[in-house]
PDB file of N, CA and C in Angstrom:
ATOM      1  N   MET A   1       0.844  -1.170   0.000  1.00  0.00           N
ATOM      2  CA  MET A   1       0.000   0.000   0.000  1.00  0.00           C
ATOM      3  C   MET A   1       0.898   1.245   0.000  1.00  0.00           C
ATOM      4  N   THR A   2       0.393   2.271  -0.666  1.00  0.00           N
ATOM      5  CA  THR A   2       1.151   3.516  -0.775  1.00  0.00           C
ATOM      6  C   THR A   2       0.295   4.697  -0.315  1.00  0.00           C
ATOM      7  N   THR A   3       0.928   5.834  -0.200  1.00  0.00           N
ATOM      8  CA  THR A   3       0.210   7.061   0.116  1.00  0.00           C
ATOM      9  C   THR A   3      -0.849   7.338  -0.949  1.00  0.00           C
ATOM     10  N   ASP A   4      -0.531   7.064  -2.203  1.00  0.00           N
ATOM     11  CA  ASP A   4      -1.496   7.275  -3.285  1.00  0.00           C
ATOM     12  C   ASP A   4      -2.759   6.444  -3.082  1.00  0.00           C
ATOM     13  N   ASP A   5      -2.618   5.236  -2.540  1.00  0.00           N
ATOM     14  CA  ASP A   5      -3.786   4.396  -2.251  1.00  0.00           C
ATOM     15  C   ASP A   5      -4.690   5.067  -1.223  1.00  0.00           C
ATOM     16  N   VAL A   6      -4.091   5.660  -0.209  1.00  0.00           N
ATOM     17  CA  VAL A   6      -4.853   6.356   0.827  1.00  0.00           C
ATOM     18  C   VAL A   6      -5.572   7.557   0.218  1.00  0.00           C
ATOM     19  N   VAL A   7      -4.867   8.304  -0.605  1.00  0.00           N
ATOM     20  CA  VAL A   7      -5.456   9.474  -1.261  1.00  0.00           C
ATOM     21  C   VAL A   7      -6.640   9.050  -2.129  1.00  0.00           C
ATOM     22  N   GLN A   8      -6.478   8.001  -2.899  1.00  0.00           N
ATOM     23  CA  GLN A   8      -7.560   7.513  -3.761  1.00  0.00           C
ATOM     24  C   GLN A   8      -8.769   7.092  -2.932  1.00  0.00           C
ATOM     25  N   ALA A   9      -8.534   6.409  -1.831  1.00  0.00           N
ATOM     26  CA  ALA A   9      -9.628   5.941  -0.978  1.00  0.00           C
ATOM     27  C   ALA A   9     -10.419   7.104  -0.387  1.00  0.00           C
ATOM     28  N   CYS A  10      -9.741   8.197  -0.132  1.00  0.00           N
ATOM     29  CA  CYS A  10     -10.370   9.359   0.514  1.00  0.00           C
ATOM     30  C   CYS A  10     -10.881  10.395  -0.485  1.00  0.00           C
ATOM     31  N   SER A  11     -10.639  10.185  -1.753  1.00  0.00           N
ATOM     32  CA  SER A  11     -10.908  11.223  -2.751  1.00  0.00           C
ATOM     33  C   SER A  11     -12.375  11.632  -2.838  1.00  0.00           C
ATOM     34  N   GLY A  12     -13.290  10.759  -2.495  1.00  0.00           N
ATOM     35  CA  GLY A  12     -14.694  11.128  -2.554  1.00  0.00           C
ATOM     36  C   GLY A  12     -15.196  11.881  -1.337  1.00  0.00           C
ATOM     37  N   CYS A  13     -14.387  11.915  -0.277  1.00  0.00           N
ATOM     38  CA  CYS A  13     -14.842  12.500   0.984  1.00  0.00           C
ATOM     39  C   CYS A  13     -14.094  13.763   1.391  1.00  0.00           C
ATOM     40  N   LEU A  14     -12.878  13.909   0.912  1.00  0.00           N
ATOM     41  CA  LEU A  14     -12.053  15.024   1.366  1.00  0.00           C
ATOM     42  C   LEU A  14     -11.891  16.069   0.269  1.00  0.00           C
ATOM     43  N   VAL A  15     -11.660  17.290   0.690  1.00  0.00           N
ATOM     44  CA  VAL A  15     -11.442  18.380  -0.261  1.00  0.00           C
ATOM     45  C   VAL A  15     -10.069  18.228  -0.913  1.00  0.00           C
ATOM     46  N   GLN A  16      -9.925  18.821  -2.072  1.00  0.00           N
ATOM     47  CA  GLN A  16      -8.692  18.719  -2.850  1.00  0.00           C
ATOM     48  C   GLN A  16      -7.468  19.154  -2.045  1.00  0.00           C
ATOM     49  N   GLU A  17      -7.623  20.171  -1.234  1.00  0.00           N
ATOM     50  CA  GLU A  17      -6.515  20.673  -0.416  1.00  0.00           C
ATOM     51  C   GLU A  17      -5.959  19.578   0.497  1.00  0.00           C
ATOM     52  N   ASP A  18      -6.853  18.828   1.142  1.00  0.00           N
ATOM     53  CA  ASP A  18      -6.414  17.732   2.017  1.00  0.00           C
ATOM     54  C   ASP A  18      -5.724  16.640   1.214  1.00  0.00           C
ATOM     55  N   LEU A  19      -6.279  16.300   0.071  1.00  0.00           N
ATOM     56  CA  LEU A  19      -5.692  15.254  -0.767  1.00  0.00           C
ATOM     57  C   LEU A  19      -4.292  15.652  -1.225  1.00  0.00           C
ATOM     58  N   GLU A  20      -4.131  16.900  -1.628  1.00  0.00           N
ATOM     59  CA  GLU A  20      -2.819  17.374  -2.064  1.00  0.00           C
ATOM     60  C   GLU A  20      -1.806  17.357  -0.921  1.00  0.00           C
ATOM     61  N   GLN A  21      -2.256  17.677   0.271  1.00  0.00           N
ATOM     62  CA  GLN A  21      -1.368  17.646   1.435  1.00  0.00           C
ATOM     63  C   GLN A  21      -0.913  16.212   1.717  1.00  0.00           C
ATOM     64  N   MET A  22      -1.835  15.272   1.626  1.00  0.00           N
ATOM     65  CA  MET A  22      -1.490  13.877   1.924  1.00  0.00           C
ATOM     66  C   MET A  22      -0.480  13.313   0.938  1.00  0.00           C
ATOM     67  N   VAL A  23      -0.526  13.729  -0.315  1.00  0.00           N
ATOM     68  CA  VAL A  23       0.396  13.221  -1.331  1.00  0.00           C
ATOM     69  C   VAL A  23       1.846  13.464  -0.935  1.00  0.00           C
ATOM     70  N   SER A  24       2.101  14.550  -0.230  1.00  0.00           N
ATOM     71  CA  SER A  24       3.475  14.904   0.125  1.00  0.00           C
ATOM     72  C   SER A  24       3.975  14.184   1.384  1.00  0.00           C
ATOM     73  N   LEU A  25       3.135  13.384   2.006  1.00  0.00           N
ATOM     74  CA  LEU A  25       3.495  12.710   3.257  1.00  0.00           C
ATOM     75  C   LEU A  25       3.889  11.262   3.006  1.00  0.00           C
ATOM     76  N   ASP A  26       4.635  10.687   3.966  1.00  0.00           N
ATOM     77  CA  ASP A  26       4.884   9.249   3.858  1.00  0.00           C
ATOM     78  C   ASP A  26       3.615   8.513   4.301  1.00  0.00           C
ATOM     79  N   LEU A  27       3.589   7.215   4.124  1.00  0.00           N
ATOM     80  CA  LEU A  27       2.371   6.437   4.336  1.00  0.00           C
ATOM     81  C   LEU A  27       1.811   6.592   5.752  1.00  0.00           C
ATOM     82  N   GLU A  28       2.657   6.471   6.746  1.00  0.00           N
ATOM     83  CA  GLU A  28       2.193   6.563   8.138  1.00  0.00           C
ATOM     84  C   GLU A  28       1.605   7.943   8.439  1.00  0.00           C
ATOM     85  N   GLU A  29       2.281   8.981   7.980  1.00  0.00           N
ATOM     86  CA  GLU A  29       1.783  10.342   8.197  1.00  0.00           C
ATOM     87  C   GLU A  29       0.483  10.572   7.435  1.00  0.00           C
ATOM     88  N   ALA A  30       0.391  10.024   6.226  1.00  0.00           N
ATOM     89  CA  ALA A  30      -0.825  10.179   5.412  1.00  0.00           C
ATOM     90  C   ALA A  30      -2.018   9.507   6.091  1.00  0.00           C
ATOM     91  N   LEU A  31      -1.792   8.358   6.697  1.00  0.00           N
ATOM     92  CA  LEU A  31      -2.883   7.680   7.414  1.00  0.00           C
ATOM     93  C   LEU A  31      -3.357   8.517   8.594  1.00  0.00           C
ATOM     94  N   GLY A  32      -2.423   9.076   9.345  1.00  0.00           N
ATOM     95  CA  GLY A  32      -2.785   9.930  10.471  1.00  0.00           C
ATOM     96  C   GLY A  32      -3.544  11.163  10.014  1.00  0.00           C
ATOM     97  N   TYR A  33      -3.070  11.757   8.937  1.00  0.00           N
ATOM     98  CA  TYR A  33      -3.744  12.934   8.378  1.00  0.00           C
ATOM     99  C   TYR A  33      -5.146  12.548   7.914  1.00  0.00           C
ATOM    100  N   ALA A  34      -5.250  11.408   7.256  1.00  0.00           N
ATOM    101  CA  ALA A  34      -6.548  10.950   6.746  1.00  0.00           C
ATOM    102  C   ALA A  34      -7.542  10.756   7.892  1.00  0.00           C
ATOM    103  N   PHE A  35      -7.108  10.159   8.990  1.00  0.00           N
ATOM    104  CA  PHE A  35      -8.001   9.951  10.140  1.00  0.00           C
ATOM    105  C   PHE A  35      -8.585  11.281  10.600  1.00  0.00           C
ATOM    106  N   THR A  36      -7.717  12.265  10.784  1.00  0.00           N
ATOM    107  CA  THR A  36      -8.160  13.583  11.260  1.00  0.00           C
ATOM    108  C   THR A  36      -9.068  14.256  10.248  1.00  0.00           C
ATOM    109  N   ALA A  37      -8.657  14.256   8.990  1.00  0.00           N
ATOM    110  CA  ALA A  37      -9.433  14.930   7.945  1.00  0.00           C
ATOM    111  C   ALA A  37     -10.794  14.252   7.747  1.00  0.00           C
ATOM    112  N   LEU A  38     -10.833  12.933   7.830  1.00  0.00           N
ATOM    113  CA  LEU A  38     -12.115  12.227   7.673  1.00  0.00           C
ATOM    114  C   LEU A  38     -13.067  12.576   8.816  1.00  0.00           C
ATOM    115  N   MET A  39     -12.548  12.657  10.035  1.00  0.00           N
ATOM    116  CA  MET A  39     -13.396  13.036  11.165  1.00  0.00           C
ATOM    117  C   MET A  39     -13.933  14.450  10.979  1.00  0.00           C
ATOM    118  N   GLU A  40     -13.069  15.349  10.528  1.00  0.00           N
ATOM    119  CA  GLU A  40     -13.495  16.727  10.282  1.00  0.00           C
ATOM    120  C   GLU A  40     -14.513  16.809   9.146  1.00  0.00           C
ATOM    121  N   ALA A  41     -14.473  15.837   8.235  1.00  0.00           N
ATOM    122  CA  ALA A  41     -15.406  15.800   7.103  1.00  0.00           C
ATOM    123  C   ALA A  41     -16.724  15.117   7.465  1.00  0.00           C
ATOM    124  N   GLY A  42     -16.832  14.662   8.726  1.00  0.00           N
ATOM    125  CA  GLY A  42     -18.086  14.074   9.176  1.00  0.00           C
ATOM    126  C   GLY A  42     -18.139  12.560   9.166  1.00  0.00           C
ATOM    127  N   ILE A  43     -17.015  11.921   8.880  1.00  0.00           N
ATOM    128  CA  ILE A  43     -16.956  10.455   8.940  1.00  0.00           C
ATOM    129  C   ILE A  43     -16.748  10.084  10.406  1.00  0.00           C
ATOM    130  N   GLU A  44     -17.764   9.454  11.011  1.00  0.00           N
ATOM    131  CA  GLU A  44     -17.706   9.172  12.447  1.00  0.00           C
ATOM    132  C   GLU A  44     -16.669   8.116  12.817  1.00  0.00           C
ATOM    133  N   ASP A  45     -16.433   7.156  11.921  1.00  0.00           N
ATOM    134  CA  ASP A  45     -15.489   6.080  12.213  1.00  0.00           C
ATOM    135  C   ASP A  45     -14.489   5.947  11.063  1.00  0.00           C
ATOM    136  N   PRO A  46     -13.438   6.771  11.068  1.00  0.00           N
ATOM    137  CA  PRO A  46     -12.454   6.718   9.987  1.00  0.00           C
ATOM    138  C   PRO A  46     -11.800   5.349   9.830  1.00  0.00           C
ATOM    139  N   GLU A  47     -11.621   4.639  10.945  1.00  0.00           N
ATOM    140  CA  GLU A  47     -11.004   3.316  10.868  1.00  0.00           C
ATOM    141  C   GLU A  47     -11.879   2.364  10.053  1.00  0.00           C
ATOM    142  N   ALA A  48     -13.177   2.347  10.331  1.00  0.00           N
ATOM    143  CA  ALA A  48     -14.093   1.489   9.576  1.00  0.00           C
ATOM    144  C   ALA A  48     -14.138   1.916   8.109  1.00  0.00           C
ATOM    145  N   PHE A  49     -14.144   3.210   7.857  1.00  0.00           N
ATOM    146  CA  PHE A  49     -14.156   3.729   6.494  1.00  0.00           C
ATOM    147  C   PHE A  49     -12.938   3.225   5.723  1.00  0.00           C
ATOM    148  N   LEU A  50     -11.759   3.341   6.323  1.00  0.00           N
ATOM    149  CA  LEU A  50     -10.536   2.910   5.648  1.00  0.00           C
ATOM    150  C   LEU A  50     -10.472   1.395   5.513  1.00  0.00           C
ATOM    151  N   ARG A  51     -11.079   0.680   6.420  1.00  0.00           N
ATOM    152  CA  ARG A  51     -11.172  -0.779   6.288  1.00  0.00           C
ATOM    153  C   ARG A  51     -12.028  -1.142   5.079  1.00  0.00           C
ATOM    154  N   GLU A  52     -13.174  -0.483   4.959  1.00  0.00           N
ATOM    155  CA  GLU A  52     -14.073  -0.741   3.821  1.00  0.00           C
ATOM    156  C   GLU A  52     -13.381  -0.460   2.492  1.00  0.00           C
ATOM    157  N   LYS A  53     -12.508   0.526   2.472  1.00  0.00           N
ATOM    158  CA  LYS A  53     -11.797   0.896   1.244  1.00  0.00           C
ATOM    159  C   LYS A  53     -10.572   0.019   0.989  1.00  0.00           C
ATOM    160  N   GLY A  54     -10.279  -0.919   1.904  1.00  0.00           N
ATOM    161  CA  GLY A  54      -9.161  -1.826   1.730  1.00  0.00           C
ATOM    162  C   GLY A  54      -7.815  -1.263   2.155  1.00  0.00           C
ATOM    163  N   ILE A  55      -7.855  -0.147   2.864  1.00  0.00           N
ATOM    164  CA  ILE A  55      -6.603   0.473   3.306  1.00  0.00           C
ATOM    165  C   ILE A  55      -6.106  -0.170   4.600  1.00  0.00           C
ATOM    166  N   LEU A  56      -7.005  -0.460   5.492  1.00  0.00           N
ATOM    167  CA  LEU A  56      -6.656  -1.129   6.758  1.00  0.00           C
ATOM    168  C   LEU A  56      -7.211  -2.552   6.746  1.00  0.00           C
ATOM    169  N   GLU A  57      -6.560  -3.417   7.479  1.00  0.00           N
ATOM    170  CA  GLU A  57      -7.033  -4.797   7.584  1.00  0.00           C
ATOM    171  C   GLU A  57      -8.002  -4.961   8.719  1.00  0.00           C
TER     172      GLU A  57
END
């Protein structure tokens, strides 16, 4: 899995600014950023969301 995979999984929920920021991060940092950004976007359970998208096991 790569940072690009995380960005693709979040592309329907996050604004372009967040997606562009995540591209510049390593995978671990991108996941942390995604968790925060998804919560701010109204996703109540970012972990479940990323699991559904195949990002987390």
